[in-house]
Protein backbone atom coordinates (compact mmCIF):
# COMPACT_ATOMS: atom_id res chain seq x y z
CA MET A 1 10.12 -46.05 -59.55
CA SER A 2 11.60 -45.44 -62.95
CA VAL A 3 10.63 -43.59 -66.06
CA ASN A 4 11.45 -45.70 -69.07
CA GLN A 5 12.11 -42.89 -71.51
CA ALA A 6 11.94 -39.15 -72.03
CA ARG A 7 11.73 -37.42 -75.39
CA LEU A 8 12.35 -33.73 -76.01
CA TYR A 9 11.88 -32.42 -79.50
CA ASP A 10 11.17 -29.29 -81.53
CA LYS A 11 7.51 -29.39 -82.56
CA THR A 12 8.03 -26.50 -84.99
CA LEU A 13 10.59 -28.57 -86.89
CA GLU A 14 8.21 -31.53 -86.88
CA LEU A 15 5.44 -29.25 -88.17
CA ARG A 16 7.59 -28.10 -91.10
CA GLN A 17 8.28 -31.73 -92.01
CA SER A 18 4.75 -33.08 -91.49
CA HIS A 19 2.80 -30.01 -92.71
CA LYS A 20 0.50 -30.11 -89.65
CA ASP A 21 -0.33 -26.44 -90.11
CA TYR A 22 -3.60 -26.86 -88.19
CA LEU A 23 -1.48 -26.59 -85.02
CA LYS A 24 -0.44 -22.98 -85.67
CA PRO A 25 -3.80 -21.39 -84.72
CA LEU A 26 -3.87 -23.48 -81.53
CA TRP A 27 -0.39 -22.30 -80.61
CA GLN A 28 -1.26 -18.70 -81.47
CA THR A 29 -4.17 -18.71 -79.02
CA ALA A 30 -1.61 -19.66 -76.35
CA GLY A 31 0.63 -16.71 -77.28
CA TRP A 32 2.93 -18.30 -79.85
CA GLN A 33 4.21 -16.04 -82.62
CA GLU A 34 5.48 -17.14 -86.03
CA GLY A 35 9.23 -17.76 -85.90
CA GLN A 36 9.26 -18.96 -82.27
CA SER A 37 10.10 -22.56 -81.40
CA VAL A 38 7.69 -24.90 -79.66
CA TRP A 39 9.29 -27.76 -77.73
CA ARG A 40 7.54 -30.88 -76.50
CA LEU A 41 8.62 -33.06 -73.60
CA GLU A 42 7.17 -36.55 -73.25
CA PHE A 43 7.73 -39.22 -70.63
CA GLN A 44 7.05 -42.91 -71.16
CA PHE A 45 6.14 -45.18 -68.26
CA LYS A 46 5.90 -48.80 -69.35
CA ARG A 47 3.23 -51.13 -68.02
CA GLU A 48 5.64 -52.86 -65.60
CA VAL A 49 6.41 -49.57 -63.85
CA LEU A 50 2.77 -48.54 -63.78
CA ASN A 51 1.79 -51.90 -62.29
CA GLU A 52 4.40 -51.45 -59.55
CA LEU A 53 2.73 -48.12 -58.76
CA GLY A 54 -0.74 -49.64 -58.66
CA VAL A 55 -1.81 -47.93 -61.88
CA THR A 56 -3.82 -50.74 -63.45
CA SER A 57 -6.65 -48.91 -65.19
CA ILE A 58 -7.31 -45.73 -67.15
CA PRO A 59 -9.29 -44.09 -64.31
CA VAL A 60 -6.41 -44.73 -61.89
CA LEU A 61 -3.95 -43.42 -64.48
CA LEU A 62 -5.93 -40.20 -64.89
CA GLU A 63 -5.93 -39.71 -61.11
CA SER A 64 -2.16 -40.35 -61.00
CA LEU A 65 -1.02 -38.04 -63.81
CA ALA A 66 0.01 -35.15 -61.56
CA GLY A 67 2.11 -37.43 -59.38
CA LEU A 68 3.73 -39.18 -62.34
CA TRP A 69 4.54 -35.83 -63.98
CA GLY A 70 5.88 -34.45 -60.69
CA TYR A 71 8.14 -37.43 -60.21
CA ALA A 72 9.39 -37.40 -63.80
CA MET A 73 10.08 -33.65 -63.76
CA GLY A 74 11.24 -33.31 -60.17
CA SER A 75 13.17 -36.47 -59.40
CA TRP A 76 13.95 -38.39 -62.56
CA LEU A 77 14.86 -35.81 -65.22
CA ARG A 78 17.83 -33.55 -64.71
CA LEU A 79 18.85 -30.75 -67.06
CA THR A 80 22.54 -30.03 -67.08
CA VAL A 81 24.74 -27.58 -68.89
CA PRO A 82 28.19 -28.86 -69.86
CA ASN A 83 30.95 -27.18 -67.91
CA PRO A 84 34.19 -26.97 -69.91
């Protein structure tokens, strides 16, 4: 199995550029405070990979989300810190 792509980006920076201020109250209800960063991590599984996994419909996809997320976070993605 393979994840086709991962994207990690600063949603607070995106918000400043896009003026999507309607997100701030949603974040605040989750404990966010003005001045803090909000990061978003997305994984992309293309149709070919999903077909290999037997994910051929939306209902099957919804049932498979936990497993796909677990694989992407636990086996595919690796966070490293450069060691000089």
